[in-house]
Amino acid sequence: MKAIVVGGGKVGYYLLKTLNQKGYDVTLIERNKKICDKTAEEIDANIICGDGTNPEVLYDADIEKTEVVAAVTGKDEENLVICQIAKVNFNVAKTIARINNPKNRTIFKALGVDRTVCSTEVIANLIEGELNSSMLRPIQTLDRGEMILAEASILRKSPWCSKIISSLDLPEECLIVSILRNDKIIFPKGNVEIKEGDRVLIVTSVNMKDEVERCIMGE
C-alpha cells in the first residue's frame, strides 16, 4: 500500500513513523524545511518539502499511484482542500482528514472526504463519559470518534423496563450489544426481557446519542 501524509506536525510525524515501521510505502509532505530536515534525520522515509495543496507537489509525491491520502495539518480548511484535490484531480480511492472543529465534520462528508478524525470530539466524549450522571453514559469512542459505546442504566420508569428487545422501537444507528445483569452477561436476543437494574450496552452514532437517551428515558 502506498500512502501520502500531508502535515509534519506531531500527528503526521508519528503516522509516518508508525506506518514506515510496519513496512508501508509512505511519503510525508511538509512545507516547513526545518521540520522536514529534523524528521529526515530521525526517520528513513520519503519526505518532500512543499505545499500539500499544490497539485504539482502531490504529483511529485507519486499521488497517481497512491491509495490513501491523509491530511493532518493543523488547519481544517487546508485539510479539506488537500482531500478535494486528491479526489477530484487524482481519483485517490481513500482520503482521511484531521479536523479540529467537530462542526466541520458534516461539510467534510458532504464534499466527499471518506474519513474524518476529530481529536476534540473523541476527548470530549471520554470526558463526558466520566462526568455524565445521566441514564446513558458514554464509555468508549469507536470508528474514529463517530460512534460511541454507551451504557444505559434501566430504571423502573424507563419505557424499556420489562420489555423484550424485539418489541423496542430503536432509533436509527442504534444497536444493543449486551446486557449486564448482576454479574452475568446476557446476549441481546429478541426474546430477552430487559429488567430494572440492568445495564444495557449500546453502540450508536454521536449524532443519535440524545435521541437514544430520550427513548430510554421516555421523553
N, C-alpha and C. Protein backbone atom coordinates (compact mmCIF):
# COMPACT_ATOMS: atom_id res chain seq x y z
N MET A 1 0.83 -1.20 0.00
CA MET A 1 0.00 0.00 0.00
C MET A 1 0.86 1.24 0.00
N LYS A 2 0.49 2.20 -0.84
CA LYS A 2 1.20 3.48 -0.85
C LYS A 2 0.28 4.56 -0.29
N ALA A 3 0.83 5.38 0.60
CA ALA A 3 0.05 6.44 1.22
C ALA A 3 0.85 7.73 1.26
N ILE A 4 0.12 8.84 1.30
CA ILE A 4 0.73 10.15 1.45
C ILE A 4 0.15 10.79 2.71
N VAL A 5 1.03 11.29 3.56
CA VAL A 5 0.62 12.04 4.75
C VAL A 5 1.03 13.49 4.54
N VAL A 6 0.07 14.39 4.65
CA VAL A 6 0.35 15.82 4.49
C VAL A 6 0.25 16.49 5.85
N GLY A 7 1.35 17.08 6.27
CA GLY A 7 1.41 17.72 7.58
C GLY A 7 2.42 17.01 8.45
N GLY A 8 3.51 17.69 8.77
CA GLY A 8 4.60 17.05 9.51
C GLY A 8 4.65 17.39 10.98
N GLY A 9 3.52 17.83 11.55
CA GLY A 9 3.47 18.06 12.99
C GLY A 9 3.54 16.75 13.75
N LYS A 10 3.15 16.78 15.01
CA LYS A 10 3.25 15.56 15.83
C LYS A 10 2.42 14.42 15.26
N VAL A 11 1.19 14.75 14.80
CA VAL A 11 0.32 13.70 14.25
C VAL A 11 0.96 13.09 13.00
N GLY A 12 1.39 13.94 12.08
CA GLY A 12 2.00 13.47 10.86
C GLY A 12 3.29 12.72 11.10
N TYR A 13 4.08 13.21 12.05
CA TYR A 13 5.37 12.58 12.37
C TYR A 13 5.15 11.13 12.84
N TYR A 14 4.23 10.96 13.79
CA TYR A 14 4.02 9.62 14.34
C TYR A 14 3.27 8.71 13.37
N LEU A 15 2.45 9.29 12.50
CA LEU A 15 1.84 8.50 11.44
C LEU A 15 2.91 7.93 10.51
N LEU A 16 3.81 8.82 10.09
CA LEU A 16 4.90 8.41 9.21
C LEU A 16 5.76 7.34 9.87
N LYS A 17 6.11 7.58 11.12
CA LYS A 17 6.98 6.65 11.84
C LYS A 17 6.32 5.28 11.99
N THR A 18 5.05 5.28 12.40
CA THR A 18 4.34 4.03 12.64
C THR A 18 4.16 3.22 11.35
N LEU A 19 3.68 3.89 10.30
CA LEU A 19 3.44 3.19 9.04
C LEU A 19 4.74 2.73 8.40
N ASN A 20 5.77 3.55 8.54
CA ASN A 20 7.08 3.20 7.99
C ASN A 20 7.64 1.96 8.67
N GLN A 21 7.48 1.88 9.99
CA GLN A 21 7.97 0.72 10.74
C GLN A 21 7.23 -0.56 10.36
N LYS A 22 5.97 -0.40 9.91
CA LYS A 22 5.17 -1.56 9.51
C LYS A 22 5.41 -1.96 8.06
N GLY A 23 6.31 -1.23 7.39
CA GLY A 23 6.70 -1.62 6.05
C GLY A 23 5.89 -1.03 4.92
N TYR A 24 5.03 -0.04 5.22
CA TYR A 24 4.23 0.58 4.17
C TYR A 24 5.04 1.65 3.43
N ASP A 25 4.67 1.87 2.21
CA ASP A 25 5.32 2.89 1.38
C ASP A 25 4.61 4.23 1.64
N VAL A 26 5.24 5.06 2.45
CA VAL A 26 4.61 6.31 2.88
C VAL A 26 5.49 7.50 2.54
N THR A 27 4.86 8.56 2.04
CA THR A 27 5.54 9.81 1.76
C THR A 27 4.94 10.91 2.62
N LEU A 28 5.80 11.69 3.25
CA LEU A 28 5.36 12.83 4.05
C LEU A 28 5.59 14.11 3.28
N ILE A 29 4.57 14.97 3.26
CA ILE A 29 4.70 16.31 2.66
C ILE A 29 4.55 17.34 3.78
N GLU A 30 5.55 18.21 3.90
CA GLU A 30 5.54 19.26 4.92
C GLU A 30 6.20 20.51 4.34
N ARG A 31 5.60 21.67 4.56
CA ARG A 31 6.12 22.90 3.96
C ARG A 31 7.27 23.51 4.76
N ASN A 32 7.39 23.17 6.03
CA ASN A 32 8.43 23.75 6.88
C ASN A 32 9.73 22.95 6.71
N LYS A 33 10.78 23.61 6.18
CA LYS A 33 12.02 22.91 5.89
C LYS A 33 12.71 22.38 7.14
N LYS A 34 12.64 23.13 8.23
CA LYS A 34 13.28 22.69 9.47
C LYS A 34 12.64 21.39 9.97
N ILE A 35 11.31 21.34 9.87
CA ILE A 35 10.61 20.12 10.28
C ILE A 35 10.99 18.95 9.38
N CYS A 36 11.07 19.22 8.08
CA CYS A 36 11.45 18.17 7.13
C CYS A 36 12.85 17.63 7.43
N ASP A 37 13.79 18.55 7.67
CA ASP A 37 15.17 18.14 7.94
C ASP A 37 15.26 17.33 9.23
N LYS A 38 14.55 17.76 10.26
CA LYS A 38 14.58 17.06 11.55
C LYS A 38 13.96 15.67 11.43
N THR A 39 12.84 15.60 10.70
CA THR A 39 12.17 14.31 10.51
C THR A 39 13.04 13.36 9.70
N ALA A 40 13.72 13.90 8.69
CA ALA A 40 14.59 13.08 7.84
C ALA A 40 15.76 12.51 8.63
N GLU A 41 16.22 13.24 9.64
CA GLU A 41 17.32 12.75 10.47
C GLU A 41 16.89 11.57 11.33
N GLU A 42 15.59 11.53 11.67
CA GLU A 42 15.10 10.52 12.61
C GLU A 42 14.40 9.34 11.94
N ILE A 43 13.85 9.59 10.74
CA ILE A 43 13.08 8.54 10.07
C ILE A 43 13.58 8.37 8.64
N ASP A 44 13.89 7.15 8.27
CA ASP A 44 14.33 6.85 6.91
C ASP A 44 13.09 6.65 6.03
N ALA A 45 12.59 7.74 5.47
CA ALA A 45 11.35 7.67 4.69
C ALA A 45 11.37 8.75 3.61
N ASN A 46 10.39 8.68 2.72
CA ASN A 46 10.26 9.69 1.67
C ASN A 46 9.66 10.96 2.26
N ILE A 47 10.37 12.06 2.18
CA ILE A 47 9.91 13.33 2.73
C ILE A 47 10.07 14.41 1.67
N ILE A 48 8.99 15.12 1.41
CA ILE A 48 9.01 16.21 0.42
C ILE A 48 8.69 17.52 1.12
N CYS A 49 9.55 18.50 0.91
CA CYS A 49 9.31 19.83 1.46
C CYS A 49 8.51 20.63 0.45
N GLY A 50 7.25 20.89 0.77
CA GLY A 50 6.40 21.61 -0.18
C GLY A 50 5.00 21.79 0.37
N ASP A 51 4.18 22.45 -0.44
CA ASP A 51 2.80 22.76 -0.06
C ASP A 51 1.88 21.63 -0.52
N GLY A 52 1.24 20.97 0.42
CA GLY A 52 0.38 19.83 0.10
C GLY A 52 -0.88 20.19 -0.65
N THR A 53 -1.20 21.48 -0.76
CA THR A 53 -2.35 21.91 -1.55
C THR A 53 -1.96 22.19 -2.99
N ASN A 54 -0.70 22.05 -3.31
CA ASN A 54 -0.21 22.27 -4.67
C ASN A 54 -0.22 20.95 -5.44
N PRO A 55 -1.02 20.84 -6.50
CA PRO A 55 -1.09 19.58 -7.25
C PRO A 55 0.26 19.10 -7.77
N GLU A 56 1.16 20.04 -8.10
CA GLU A 56 2.47 19.64 -8.60
C GLU A 56 3.29 18.94 -7.51
N VAL A 57 3.15 19.41 -6.28
CA VAL A 57 3.84 18.77 -5.16
C VAL A 57 3.27 17.37 -4.93
N LEU A 58 1.96 17.26 -5.00
CA LEU A 58 1.32 15.95 -4.85
C LEU A 58 1.75 15.01 -5.98
N TYR A 59 1.88 15.55 -7.17
CA TYR A 59 2.33 14.75 -8.30
C TYR A 59 3.74 14.24 -8.07
N ASP A 60 4.61 15.11 -7.51
CA ASP A 60 6.00 14.71 -7.20
C ASP A 60 6.02 13.61 -6.14
N ALA A 61 4.98 13.58 -5.30
CA ALA A 61 4.90 12.54 -4.25
C ALA A 61 4.33 11.24 -4.80
N ASP A 62 4.13 11.19 -6.11
CA ASP A 62 3.63 9.98 -6.78
C ASP A 62 2.18 9.67 -6.39
N ILE A 63 1.37 10.73 -6.33
CA ILE A 63 -0.01 10.56 -5.88
C ILE A 63 -0.84 9.69 -6.84
N GLU A 64 -0.42 9.64 -8.11
CA GLU A 64 -1.17 8.84 -9.08
C GLU A 64 -1.12 7.34 -8.75
N LYS A 65 -0.15 6.94 -7.93
CA LYS A 65 -0.05 5.54 -7.53
C LYS A 65 -0.45 5.34 -6.06
N THR A 66 -1.02 6.38 -5.48
CA THR A 66 -1.34 6.36 -4.04
C THR A 66 -2.77 5.89 -3.80
N GLU A 67 -2.94 5.07 -2.77
CA GLU A 67 -4.27 4.56 -2.41
C GLU A 67 -4.94 5.39 -1.33
N VAL A 68 -4.14 5.98 -0.45
CA VAL A 68 -4.69 6.74 0.68
C VAL A 68 -3.93 8.05 0.85
N VAL A 69 -4.68 9.14 1.02
CA VAL A 69 -4.09 10.43 1.38
C VAL A 69 -4.66 10.86 2.72
N ALA A 70 -3.78 11.14 3.67
CA ALA A 70 -4.20 11.60 4.99
C ALA A 70 -3.73 13.03 5.18
N ALA A 71 -4.68 13.96 5.30
CA ALA A 71 -4.36 15.37 5.51
C ALA A 71 -4.48 15.68 6.99
N VAL A 72 -3.34 15.91 7.65
CA VAL A 72 -3.34 16.06 9.12
C VAL A 72 -2.65 17.34 9.56
N THR A 73 -2.78 18.39 8.75
CA THR A 73 -2.23 19.68 9.16
C THR A 73 -3.10 20.24 10.29
N GLY A 74 -2.68 21.35 10.85
CA GLY A 74 -3.43 21.95 11.95
C GLY A 74 -4.59 22.81 11.53
N LYS A 75 -4.83 22.92 10.21
CA LYS A 75 -5.89 23.78 9.69
C LYS A 75 -6.95 22.94 8.98
N ASP A 76 -8.18 23.03 9.44
CA ASP A 76 -9.27 22.25 8.84
C ASP A 76 -9.45 22.57 7.37
N GLU A 77 -9.43 23.87 7.03
CA GLU A 77 -9.68 24.26 5.64
C GLU A 77 -8.59 23.73 4.71
N GLU A 78 -7.37 23.69 5.19
CA GLU A 78 -6.27 23.17 4.38
C GLU A 78 -6.42 21.66 4.16
N ASN A 79 -6.82 20.95 5.20
CA ASN A 79 -7.03 19.51 5.09
C ASN A 79 -8.17 19.19 4.12
N LEU A 80 -9.20 20.03 4.12
CA LEU A 80 -10.31 19.84 3.19
C LEU A 80 -9.85 20.02 1.75
N VAL A 81 -9.09 21.06 1.49
CA VAL A 81 -8.58 21.34 0.13
C VAL A 81 -7.71 20.19 -0.35
N ILE A 82 -6.85 19.70 0.52
CA ILE A 82 -5.95 18.60 0.14
C ILE A 82 -6.74 17.37 -0.27
N CYS A 83 -7.75 17.03 0.53
CA CYS A 83 -8.58 15.86 0.22
C CYS A 83 -9.37 16.05 -1.06
N GLN A 84 -9.86 17.27 -1.29
CA GLN A 84 -10.61 17.57 -2.51
C GLN A 84 -9.71 17.41 -3.75
N ILE A 85 -8.50 17.93 -3.67
CA ILE A 85 -7.57 17.81 -4.80
C ILE A 85 -7.24 16.33 -5.06
N ALA A 86 -7.02 15.59 -3.98
CA ALA A 86 -6.69 14.17 -4.12
C ALA A 86 -7.82 13.41 -4.80
N LYS A 87 -9.06 13.73 -4.44
CA LYS A 87 -10.22 13.04 -5.00
C LYS A 87 -10.50 13.48 -6.44
N VAL A 88 -10.60 14.79 -6.63
CA VAL A 88 -11.05 15.33 -7.91
C VAL A 88 -9.96 15.27 -8.98
N ASN A 89 -8.75 15.67 -8.61
CA ASN A 89 -7.67 15.75 -9.60
C ASN A 89 -6.97 14.42 -9.85
N PHE A 90 -6.92 13.57 -8.80
CA PHE A 90 -6.11 12.37 -8.93
C PHE A 90 -6.87 11.07 -8.66
N ASN A 91 -8.17 11.17 -8.38
CA ASN A 91 -9.01 9.98 -8.16
C ASN A 91 -8.45 9.02 -7.11
N VAL A 92 -7.94 9.59 -6.02
CA VAL A 92 -7.43 8.76 -4.93
C VAL A 92 -8.60 8.02 -4.28
N ALA A 93 -8.40 6.74 -4.00
CA ALA A 93 -9.50 5.90 -3.50
C ALA A 93 -10.00 6.33 -2.13
N LYS A 94 -9.08 6.63 -1.20
CA LYS A 94 -9.49 6.96 0.16
C LYS A 94 -8.78 8.23 0.63
N THR A 95 -9.56 9.13 1.23
CA THR A 95 -8.99 10.33 1.83
C THR A 95 -9.39 10.39 3.30
N ILE A 96 -8.45 10.80 4.13
CA ILE A 96 -8.68 10.93 5.56
C ILE A 96 -8.26 12.33 5.99
N ALA A 97 -9.11 13.00 6.74
CA ALA A 97 -8.80 14.36 7.16
C ALA A 97 -8.87 14.50 8.67
N ARG A 98 -7.90 15.19 9.21
CA ARG A 98 -7.96 15.59 10.62
C ARG A 98 -8.78 16.86 10.71
N ILE A 99 -9.71 16.90 11.65
CA ILE A 99 -10.47 18.13 11.86
C ILE A 99 -10.37 18.52 13.33
N ASN A 100 -10.32 19.82 13.58
CA ASN A 100 -10.21 20.33 14.93
C ASN A 100 -11.57 20.79 15.46
N ASN A 101 -12.42 21.27 14.56
CA ASN A 101 -13.75 21.73 14.94
C ASN A 101 -14.77 20.66 14.57
N PRO A 102 -15.42 20.03 15.56
CA PRO A 102 -16.39 18.96 15.27
C PRO A 102 -17.52 19.40 14.34
N LYS A 103 -17.83 20.71 14.30
CA LYS A 103 -18.91 21.20 13.44
C LYS A 103 -18.57 21.06 11.96
N ASN A 104 -17.29 20.89 11.66
CA ASN A 104 -16.87 20.77 10.27
C ASN A 104 -17.05 19.37 9.69
N ARG A 105 -17.37 18.41 10.54
CA ARG A 105 -17.48 17.02 10.08
C ARG A 105 -18.51 16.88 8.96
N THR A 106 -19.67 17.55 9.10
CA THR A 106 -20.75 17.41 8.11
C THR A 106 -20.32 17.90 6.74
N ILE A 107 -19.69 19.06 6.69
CA ILE A 107 -19.28 19.61 5.38
C ILE A 107 -18.17 18.78 4.75
N PHE A 108 -17.29 18.23 5.57
CA PHE A 108 -16.24 17.36 5.03
C PHE A 108 -16.86 16.14 4.35
N LYS A 109 -17.85 15.54 5.01
CA LYS A 109 -18.51 14.37 4.44
C LYS A 109 -19.27 14.74 3.17
N ALA A 110 -19.96 15.90 3.22
CA ALA A 110 -20.74 16.33 2.07
C ALA A 110 -19.87 16.57 0.85
N LEU A 111 -18.62 16.96 1.08
CA LEU A 111 -17.71 17.26 -0.02
C LEU A 111 -16.83 16.06 -0.39
N GLY A 112 -17.18 14.88 0.13
CA GLY A 112 -16.56 13.66 -0.38
C GLY A 112 -15.38 13.12 0.38
N VAL A 113 -15.03 13.72 1.53
CA VAL A 113 -13.92 13.18 2.32
C VAL A 113 -14.39 11.86 2.95
N ASP A 114 -13.61 10.80 2.76
CA ASP A 114 -14.05 9.47 3.19
C ASP A 114 -14.10 9.32 4.70
N ARG A 115 -13.07 9.80 5.37
CA ARG A 115 -13.00 9.65 6.82
C ARG A 115 -12.52 10.94 7.47
N THR A 116 -13.07 11.24 8.63
CA THR A 116 -12.59 12.38 9.41
C THR A 116 -12.23 11.90 10.81
N VAL A 117 -11.21 12.51 11.36
CA VAL A 117 -10.78 12.19 12.71
C VAL A 117 -10.73 13.49 13.50
N CYS A 118 -11.52 13.55 14.56
CA CYS A 118 -11.60 14.77 15.37
C CYS A 118 -11.17 14.44 16.79
N SER A 119 -9.95 14.80 17.15
CA SER A 119 -9.46 14.52 18.50
C SER A 119 -10.24 15.29 19.54
N THR A 120 -10.71 16.49 19.19
CA THR A 120 -11.51 17.28 20.12
C THR A 120 -12.76 16.52 20.53
N GLU A 121 -13.43 15.93 19.54
CA GLU A 121 -14.67 15.21 19.80
C GLU A 121 -14.42 13.93 20.58
N VAL A 122 -13.34 13.23 20.25
CA VAL A 122 -13.00 11.99 20.95
C VAL A 122 -12.75 12.27 22.43
N ILE A 123 -11.94 13.29 22.70
CA ILE A 123 -11.62 13.62 24.09
C ILE A 123 -12.85 14.11 24.84
N ALA A 124 -13.68 14.92 24.16
CA ALA A 124 -14.91 15.43 24.79
C ALA A 124 -15.83 14.28 25.19
N ASN A 125 -15.94 13.27 24.32
CA ASN A 125 -16.79 12.12 24.63
C ASN A 125 -16.25 11.32 25.81
N LEU A 126 -14.92 11.21 25.89
CA LEU A 126 -14.32 10.49 27.01
C LEU A 126 -14.55 11.23 28.33
N ILE A 127 -14.41 12.56 28.28
CA ILE A 127 -14.65 13.37 29.48
C ILE A 127 -16.11 13.28 29.89
N GLU A 128 -17.00 13.36 28.90
CA GLU A 128 -18.42 13.27 29.19
C GLU A 128 -18.76 11.94 29.86
N GLY A 129 -18.09 10.88 29.40
CA GLY A 129 -18.34 9.57 29.99
C GLY A 129 -17.97 9.51 31.46
N GLU A 130 -16.94 10.28 31.84
CA GLU A 130 -16.51 10.29 33.24
C GLU A 130 -17.41 11.19 34.10
N LEU A 131 -17.92 12.26 33.50
CA LEU A 131 -18.67 13.25 34.28
C LEU A 131 -20.18 13.04 34.23
N ASN A 132 -20.64 12.36 33.20
CA ASN A 132 -22.08 12.27 32.96
C ASN A 132 -22.76 11.36 33.98
N SER A 133 -23.80 11.86 34.62
CA SER A 133 -24.57 11.06 35.58
C SER A 133 -25.95 10.71 35.02
N SER A 134 -26.18 10.93 33.73
CA SER A 134 -27.48 10.67 33.13
C SER A 134 -27.65 9.17 32.88
N MET A 135 -28.81 8.81 32.34
CA MET A 135 -29.14 7.41 32.15
C MET A 135 -28.24 6.75 31.10
N LEU A 136 -27.81 7.50 30.10
CA LEU A 136 -26.96 6.95 29.04
C LEU A 136 -25.56 7.55 29.18
N ARG A 137 -24.59 6.71 29.48
CA ARG A 137 -23.24 7.19 29.77
C ARG A 137 -22.24 6.65 28.75
N PRO A 138 -21.64 7.54 27.95
CA PRO A 138 -20.61 7.09 27.00
C PRO A 138 -19.42 6.51 27.76
N ILE A 139 -18.93 5.37 27.29
CA ILE A 139 -17.77 4.77 27.95
C ILE A 139 -16.59 4.56 27.01
N GLN A 140 -16.85 4.63 25.69
CA GLN A 140 -15.74 4.49 24.75
C GLN A 140 -16.16 5.01 23.38
N THR A 141 -15.20 5.62 22.68
CA THR A 141 -15.47 6.08 21.32
C THR A 141 -15.03 4.99 20.33
N LEU A 142 -15.72 4.92 19.21
CA LEU A 142 -15.43 3.93 18.18
C LEU A 142 -15.41 4.61 16.82
N ASP A 143 -14.85 3.91 15.84
CA ASP A 143 -14.88 4.38 14.45
C ASP A 143 -14.41 5.82 14.33
N ARG A 144 -13.21 6.08 14.91
CA ARG A 144 -12.58 7.39 14.82
C ARG A 144 -13.43 8.50 15.44
N GLY A 145 -14.17 8.16 16.46
CA GLY A 145 -14.95 9.16 17.18
C GLY A 145 -16.36 9.36 16.67
N GLU A 146 -16.74 8.71 15.57
CA GLU A 146 -18.08 8.90 15.01
C GLU A 146 -19.13 8.07 15.74
N MET A 147 -18.71 6.96 16.36
CA MET A 147 -19.63 6.10 17.09
C MET A 147 -19.19 6.05 18.55
N ILE A 148 -20.13 5.71 19.42
CA ILE A 148 -19.79 5.55 20.83
C ILE A 148 -20.38 4.25 21.37
N LEU A 149 -19.68 3.69 22.34
CA LEU A 149 -20.23 2.59 23.13
C LEU A 149 -20.71 3.23 24.42
N ALA A 150 -22.00 3.07 24.72
CA ALA A 150 -22.59 3.72 25.88
C ALA A 150 -23.31 2.71 26.76
N GLU A 151 -23.42 3.05 28.03
CA GLU A 151 -24.10 2.18 28.98
C GLU A 151 -25.37 2.85 29.49
N ALA A 152 -26.48 2.16 29.39
CA ALA A 152 -27.77 2.67 29.86
C ALA A 152 -28.19 1.92 31.11
N SER A 153 -28.41 2.64 32.19
CA SER A 153 -28.90 2.02 33.43
C SER A 153 -30.42 2.08 33.41
N ILE A 154 -31.05 0.92 33.47
CA ILE A 154 -32.50 0.84 33.32
C ILE A 154 -33.21 1.03 34.67
N LEU A 155 -34.02 2.07 34.74
CA LEU A 155 -34.82 2.35 35.93
C LEU A 155 -36.24 1.83 35.72
N ARG A 156 -37.00 1.76 36.79
CA ARG A 156 -38.37 1.25 36.70
C ARG A 156 -39.23 2.11 35.78
N LYS A 157 -38.97 3.41 35.75
CA LYS A 157 -39.78 4.33 34.95
C LYS A 157 -39.43 4.30 33.46
N SER A 158 -38.35 3.62 33.11
CA SER A 158 -37.93 3.59 31.71
C SER A 158 -38.90 2.80 30.85
N PRO A 159 -39.25 3.30 29.66
CA PRO A 159 -40.11 2.55 28.74
C PRO A 159 -39.51 1.19 28.33
N TRP A 160 -38.20 1.04 28.49
CA TRP A 160 -37.56 -0.22 28.14
C TRP A 160 -37.72 -1.28 29.23
N CYS A 161 -38.05 -0.85 30.44
CA CYS A 161 -38.14 -1.77 31.57
C CYS A 161 -39.29 -2.76 31.36
N SER A 162 -39.00 -4.05 31.54
CA SER A 162 -39.97 -5.15 31.40
C SER A 162 -40.43 -5.36 29.96
N LYS A 163 -39.64 -4.87 28.99
CA LYS A 163 -39.95 -5.09 27.58
C LYS A 163 -38.95 -6.08 26.99
N ILE A 164 -39.40 -6.89 26.03
CA ILE A 164 -38.45 -7.75 25.32
C ILE A 164 -37.81 -6.94 24.20
N ILE A 165 -36.60 -7.30 23.84
CA ILE A 165 -35.81 -6.50 22.90
C ILE A 165 -36.49 -6.34 21.55
N SER A 166 -37.14 -7.39 21.07
CA SER A 166 -37.77 -7.32 19.74
C SER A 166 -38.93 -6.33 19.69
N SER A 167 -39.46 -5.94 20.85
CA SER A 167 -40.59 -5.01 20.88
C SER A 167 -40.14 -3.55 20.95
N LEU A 168 -38.85 -3.32 21.12
CA LEU A 168 -38.36 -1.95 21.26
C LEU A 168 -38.29 -1.25 19.92
N ASP A 169 -38.67 0.00 19.90
CA ASP A 169 -38.58 0.82 18.70
C ASP A 169 -37.26 1.59 18.76
N LEU A 170 -36.19 0.94 18.30
CA LEU A 170 -34.86 1.52 18.41
C LEU A 170 -34.64 2.60 17.35
N PRO A 171 -34.01 3.68 17.72
CA PRO A 171 -33.66 4.71 16.73
C PRO A 171 -32.69 4.17 15.69
N GLU A 172 -32.55 4.88 14.60
CA GLU A 172 -31.55 4.51 13.59
C GLU A 172 -30.16 4.59 14.20
N GLU A 173 -29.25 3.81 13.67
CA GLU A 173 -27.85 3.80 14.11
C GLU A 173 -27.74 3.49 15.60
N CYS A 174 -28.57 2.56 16.06
CA CYS A 174 -28.54 2.14 17.46
C CYS A 174 -28.59 0.62 17.52
N LEU A 175 -27.66 0.04 18.26
CA LEU A 175 -27.59 -1.42 18.37
C LEU A 175 -27.31 -1.81 19.81
N ILE A 176 -28.15 -2.70 20.36
CA ILE A 176 -27.90 -3.24 21.69
C ILE A 176 -26.91 -4.40 21.54
N VAL A 177 -25.78 -4.32 22.24
CA VAL A 177 -24.73 -5.33 22.06
C VAL A 177 -24.67 -6.33 23.22
N SER A 178 -25.10 -5.93 24.40
CA SER A 178 -25.16 -6.87 25.51
C SER A 178 -25.91 -6.27 26.69
N ILE A 179 -26.31 -7.13 27.63
CA ILE A 179 -26.99 -6.69 28.84
C ILE A 179 -26.21 -7.24 30.04
N LEU A 180 -25.91 -6.37 30.98
CA LEU A 180 -25.21 -6.78 32.20
C LEU A 180 -26.24 -6.84 33.32
N ARG A 181 -26.42 -8.03 33.88
CA ARG A 181 -27.40 -8.23 34.96
C ARG A 181 -26.70 -8.91 36.13
N ASN A 182 -26.54 -8.14 37.21
CA ASN A 182 -25.73 -8.61 38.34
C ASN A 182 -24.33 -8.91 37.83
N ASP A 183 -23.89 -10.13 37.93
CA ASP A 183 -22.54 -10.48 37.44
C ASP A 183 -22.59 -11.26 36.13
N LYS A 184 -23.73 -11.26 35.48
CA LYS A 184 -23.90 -12.05 34.26
C LYS A 184 -23.97 -11.17 33.02
N ILE A 185 -23.46 -11.72 31.92
CA ILE A 185 -23.58 -11.06 30.62
C ILE A 185 -24.65 -11.79 29.83
N ILE A 186 -25.66 -11.06 29.37
CA ILE A 186 -26.76 -11.66 28.62
C ILE A 186 -26.70 -11.17 27.18
N PHE A 187 -26.69 -12.11 26.24
CA PHE A 187 -26.66 -11.73 24.83
C PHE A 187 -28.06 -11.25 24.41
N PRO A 188 -28.12 -10.18 23.65
CA PRO A 188 -29.40 -9.50 23.37
C PRO A 188 -30.24 -10.16 22.27
N LYS A 189 -30.76 -11.34 22.54
CA LYS A 189 -31.68 -11.96 21.58
C LYS A 189 -33.04 -11.29 21.67
N GLY A 190 -33.83 -11.47 20.63
CA GLY A 190 -35.10 -10.76 20.53
C GLY A 190 -36.07 -11.03 21.65
N ASN A 191 -36.00 -12.25 22.24
CA ASN A 191 -36.97 -12.60 23.28
C ASN A 191 -36.46 -12.31 24.70
N VAL A 192 -35.32 -11.67 24.81
CA VAL A 192 -34.76 -11.34 26.12
C VAL A 192 -35.48 -10.12 26.69
N GLU A 193 -35.91 -10.25 27.94
CA GLU A 193 -36.62 -9.14 28.61
C GLU A 193 -35.61 -8.26 29.36
N ILE A 194 -35.75 -6.96 29.18
CA ILE A 194 -34.91 -6.00 29.90
C ILE A 194 -35.57 -5.71 31.24
N LYS A 195 -34.79 -5.81 32.31
CA LYS A 195 -35.35 -5.66 33.64
C LYS A 195 -34.76 -4.45 34.37
N GLU A 196 -35.48 -4.03 35.40
CA GLU A 196 -34.99 -2.92 36.23
C GLU A 196 -33.63 -3.29 36.82
N GLY A 197 -32.72 -2.34 36.75
CA GLY A 197 -31.38 -2.57 37.28
C GLY A 197 -30.39 -3.08 36.24
N ASP A 198 -30.88 -3.49 35.07
CA ASP A 198 -29.99 -3.94 34.01
C ASP A 198 -29.12 -2.77 33.53
N ARG A 199 -27.94 -3.11 33.09
CA ARG A 199 -27.09 -2.14 32.39
C ARG A 199 -26.98 -2.61 30.94
N VAL A 200 -27.51 -1.82 30.05
CA VAL A 200 -27.57 -2.19 28.64
C VAL A 200 -26.45 -1.47 27.89
N LEU A 201 -25.63 -2.23 27.20
CA LEU A 201 -24.55 -1.65 26.40
C LEU A 201 -25.04 -1.43 24.98
N ILE A 202 -24.87 -0.20 24.50
CA ILE A 202 -25.43 0.23 23.22
C ILE A 202 -24.34 0.86 22.38
N VAL A 203 -24.33 0.53 21.10
CA VAL A 203 -23.47 1.24 20.14
C VAL A 203 -24.37 2.15 19.31
N THR A 204 -24.01 3.42 19.24
CA THR A 204 -24.79 4.37 18.46
C THR A 204 -23.88 5.46 17.93
N SER A 205 -24.36 6.22 16.97
CA SER A 205 -23.57 7.33 16.45
C SER A 205 -23.62 8.50 17.42
N VAL A 206 -22.62 9.34 17.36
CA VAL A 206 -22.58 10.52 18.22
C VAL A 206 -23.80 11.39 17.98
N ASN A 207 -24.21 11.51 16.72
CA ASN A 207 -25.35 12.37 16.38
C ASN A 207 -26.67 11.86 16.93
N MET A 208 -26.78 10.54 17.16
CA MET A 208 -28.04 9.96 17.62
C MET A 208 -28.09 9.74 19.13
N LYS A 209 -27.04 10.10 19.83
CA LYS A 209 -26.96 9.82 21.26
C LYS A 209 -28.14 10.42 22.03
N ASP A 210 -28.45 11.68 21.78
CA ASP A 210 -29.54 12.34 22.52
C ASP A 210 -30.89 11.67 22.26
N GLU A 211 -31.12 11.25 21.01
CA GLU A 211 -32.39 10.60 20.69
C GLU A 211 -32.49 9.24 21.37
N VAL A 212 -31.38 8.51 21.42
CA VAL A 212 -31.37 7.22 22.11
C VAL A 212 -31.69 7.42 23.59
N GLU A 213 -31.10 8.43 24.17
CA GLU A 213 -31.34 8.70 25.59
C GLU A 213 -32.80 9.06 25.85
N ARG A 214 -33.40 9.83 24.94
CA ARG A 214 -34.81 10.18 25.10
C ARG A 214 -35.71 8.93 25.04
N CYS A 215 -35.35 8.00 24.17
CA CYS A 215 -36.14 6.76 24.08
C CYS A 215 -36.06 5.95 25.36
N ILE A 216 -34.86 5.91 25.95
CA ILE A 216 -34.68 5.14 27.17
C ILE A 216 -35.41 5.80 28.35
N MET A 217 -35.39 7.13 28.36
CA MET A 217 -35.99 7.85 29.48
C MET A 217 -37.48 8.08 29.30
N GLY A 218 -37.97 7.90 28.06
CA GLY A 218 -39.40 8.09 27.81
C GLY A 218 -39.78 9.55 27.66
N GLU A 219 -38.86 10.35 27.14
CA GLU A 219 -39.13 11.78 26.93
C GLU A 219 -39.14 12.10 25.45
